[in-house]
Amino acid sequence: MDKKQKKRMEVLHQKIAKLQQQLTGAKRQPDDPAEVPRLERELAAAHAELAALKQT
């Protein structure tokens, strides 16, 4: 794993943490019904990218 991949993994970990907080907040206060599915999709994509980076 090179330096660029490690940095990308760090960024993804931060993004995942932020998205999880946003998702929790959106579930508690559902102002926009489309927000929860969007956040779930973004979170799934970030997890998938992180898994792909770990595979290489």
N, C-alpha and C. Protein backbone atom coordinates (compact mmCIF):
# COMPACT_ATOMS: atom_id res chain seq x y z
N MET A 1 0.85 -1.17 0.00
CA MET A 1 0.00 0.00 0.00
C MET A 1 0.90 1.24 0.00
N ASP A 2 0.67 2.08 -0.94
CA ASP A 2 1.51 3.27 -1.03
C ASP A 2 0.91 4.43 -0.23
N LYS A 3 1.65 5.51 -0.23
CA LYS A 3 1.27 6.69 0.56
C LYS A 3 -0.08 7.27 0.13
N LYS A 4 -0.32 7.27 -1.17
CA LYS A 4 -1.55 7.83 -1.71
C LYS A 4 -2.77 7.01 -1.25
N GLN A 5 -2.64 5.69 -1.24
CA GLN A 5 -3.73 4.83 -0.81
C GLN A 5 -4.00 5.00 0.69
N LYS A 6 -2.94 5.13 1.47
CA LYS A 6 -3.11 5.32 2.91
C LYS A 6 -3.84 6.63 3.19
N LYS A 7 -3.48 7.68 2.47
CA LYS A 7 -4.12 8.97 2.64
C LYS A 7 -5.59 8.88 2.25
N ARG A 8 -5.88 8.18 1.16
CA ARG A 8 -7.27 8.02 0.70
C ARG A 8 -8.08 7.27 1.76
N MET A 9 -7.47 6.26 2.38
CA MET A 9 -8.15 5.50 3.42
C MET A 9 -8.46 6.39 4.63
N GLU A 10 -7.53 7.26 5.00
CA GLU A 10 -7.76 8.19 6.11
C GLU A 10 -8.93 9.11 5.79
N VAL A 11 -8.94 9.63 4.57
CA VAL A 11 -10.02 10.53 4.15
C VAL A 11 -11.35 9.80 4.17
N LEU A 12 -11.37 8.54 3.72
CA LEU A 12 -12.60 7.77 3.71
C LEU A 12 -13.10 7.50 5.13
N HIS A 13 -12.19 7.22 6.05
CA HIS A 13 -12.59 7.01 7.44
C HIS A 13 -13.24 8.27 8.00
N GLN A 14 -12.67 9.42 7.69
CA GLN A 14 -13.25 10.68 8.16
C GLN A 14 -14.62 10.92 7.52
N LYS A 15 -14.73 10.62 6.23
CA LYS A 15 -15.99 10.82 5.52
C LYS A 15 -17.07 9.90 6.07
N ILE A 16 -16.69 8.66 6.37
CA ILE A 16 -17.65 7.70 6.92
C ILE A 16 -18.14 8.17 8.28
N ALA A 17 -17.23 8.65 9.12
CA ALA A 17 -17.63 9.14 10.44
C ALA A 17 -18.60 10.31 10.31
N LYS A 18 -18.30 11.23 9.40
CA LYS A 18 -19.15 12.40 9.19
C LYS A 18 -20.53 11.98 8.66
N LEU A 19 -20.54 11.06 7.70
CA LEU A 19 -21.81 10.61 7.12
C LEU A 19 -22.67 9.88 8.15
N GLN A 20 -22.03 9.11 9.03
CA GLN A 20 -22.79 8.41 10.06
C GLN A 20 -23.45 9.39 11.02
N GLN A 21 -22.73 10.47 11.36
CA GLN A 21 -23.32 11.49 12.23
C GLN A 21 -24.49 12.18 11.53
N GLN A 22 -24.30 12.50 10.26
CA GLN A 22 -25.37 13.16 9.51
C GLN A 22 -26.59 12.25 9.38
N LEU A 23 -26.34 10.96 9.14
CA LEU A 23 -27.42 10.00 9.00
C LEU A 23 -28.20 9.87 10.31
N THR A 24 -27.50 9.82 11.41
CA THR A 24 -28.16 9.75 12.71
C THR A 24 -29.04 10.97 12.93
N GLY A 25 -28.50 12.13 12.63
CA GLY A 25 -29.27 13.36 12.77
C GLY A 25 -30.47 13.41 11.85
N ALA A 26 -30.30 12.94 10.64
CA ALA A 26 -31.40 12.95 9.66
C ALA A 26 -32.50 11.98 10.08
N LYS A 27 -32.12 10.88 10.71
CA LYS A 27 -33.13 9.92 11.17
C LYS A 27 -33.90 10.48 12.37
N ARG A 28 -33.20 11.23 13.22
CA ARG A 28 -33.85 11.81 14.39
C ARG A 28 -34.82 12.92 14.00
N GLN A 29 -34.45 13.70 13.00
CA GLN A 29 -35.26 14.84 12.59
C GLN A 29 -35.42 14.80 11.07
N PRO A 30 -36.39 14.04 10.60
CA PRO A 30 -36.55 13.86 9.14
C PRO A 30 -37.21 15.06 8.46
N ASP A 31 -36.44 16.10 8.23
CA ASP A 31 -36.95 17.29 7.54
C ASP A 31 -37.15 17.01 6.04
N ASP A 32 -36.17 16.34 5.45
CA ASP A 32 -36.20 16.03 4.03
C ASP A 32 -36.25 14.52 3.86
N PRO A 33 -37.34 13.98 3.33
CA PRO A 33 -37.46 12.52 3.22
C PRO A 33 -36.42 11.89 2.28
N ALA A 34 -35.86 12.65 1.37
CA ALA A 34 -34.88 12.11 0.44
C ALA A 34 -33.47 12.10 1.02
N GLU A 35 -33.29 12.76 2.16
CA GLU A 35 -31.94 12.89 2.72
C GLU A 35 -31.42 11.57 3.29
N VAL A 36 -32.25 10.81 3.98
CA VAL A 36 -31.81 9.55 4.61
C VAL A 36 -31.33 8.56 3.54
N PRO A 37 -32.10 8.29 2.49
CA PRO A 37 -31.61 7.36 1.47
C PRO A 37 -30.32 7.86 0.77
N ARG A 38 -30.22 9.17 0.58
CA ARG A 38 -29.02 9.72 -0.06
C ARG A 38 -27.79 9.48 0.82
N LEU A 39 -27.94 9.74 2.10
CA LEU A 39 -26.83 9.54 3.03
C LEU A 39 -26.46 8.07 3.12
N GLU A 40 -27.46 7.19 3.09
CA GLU A 40 -27.20 5.76 3.13
C GLU A 40 -26.44 5.31 1.89
N ARG A 41 -26.79 5.86 0.73
CA ARG A 41 -26.08 5.52 -0.51
C ARG A 41 -24.63 6.00 -0.46
N GLU A 42 -24.43 7.23 0.01
CA GLU A 42 -23.08 7.78 0.11
C GLU A 42 -22.24 6.96 1.09
N LEU A 43 -22.84 6.55 2.19
CA LEU A 43 -22.15 5.76 3.19
C LEU A 43 -21.77 4.39 2.62
N ALA A 44 -22.68 3.77 1.90
CA ALA A 44 -22.40 2.47 1.28
C ALA A 44 -21.29 2.60 0.24
N ALA A 45 -21.30 3.67 -0.52
CA ALA A 45 -20.26 3.88 -1.53
C ALA A 45 -18.89 4.08 -0.87
N ALA A 46 -18.87 4.83 0.22
CA ALA A 46 -17.61 5.05 0.93
C ALA A 46 -17.08 3.75 1.52
N HIS A 47 -17.98 2.94 2.08
CA HIS A 47 -17.57 1.64 2.62
C HIS A 47 -17.04 0.73 1.51
N ALA A 48 -17.69 0.76 0.35
CA ALA A 48 -17.26 -0.07 -0.78
C ALA A 48 -15.89 0.36 -1.27
N GLU A 49 -15.67 1.66 -1.36
CA GLU A 49 -14.36 2.14 -1.81
C GLU A 49 -13.27 1.76 -0.80
N LEU A 50 -13.60 1.87 0.48
CA LEU A 50 -12.63 1.52 1.53
C LEU A 50 -12.31 0.02 1.44
N ALA A 51 -13.31 -0.80 1.24
CA ALA A 51 -13.08 -2.25 1.11
C ALA A 51 -12.23 -2.56 -0.11
N ALA A 52 -12.48 -1.84 -1.19
CA ALA A 52 -11.68 -2.05 -2.41
C ALA A 52 -10.22 -1.66 -2.18
N LEU A 53 -9.99 -0.58 -1.46
CA LEU A 53 -8.62 -0.17 -1.16
C LEU A 53 -7.92 -1.18 -0.27
N LYS A 54 -8.65 -1.78 0.65
CA LYS A 54 -8.05 -2.76 1.55
C LYS A 54 -7.69 -4.05 0.80
N GLN A 55 -8.42 -4.34 -0.27
CA GLN A 55 -8.15 -5.52 -1.07
C GLN A 55 -6.83 -5.42 -1.83
N THR A 56 -6.44 -4.22 -2.20
CA THR A 56 -5.23 -4.05 -3.01
C THR A 56 -3.99 -3.91 -2.18
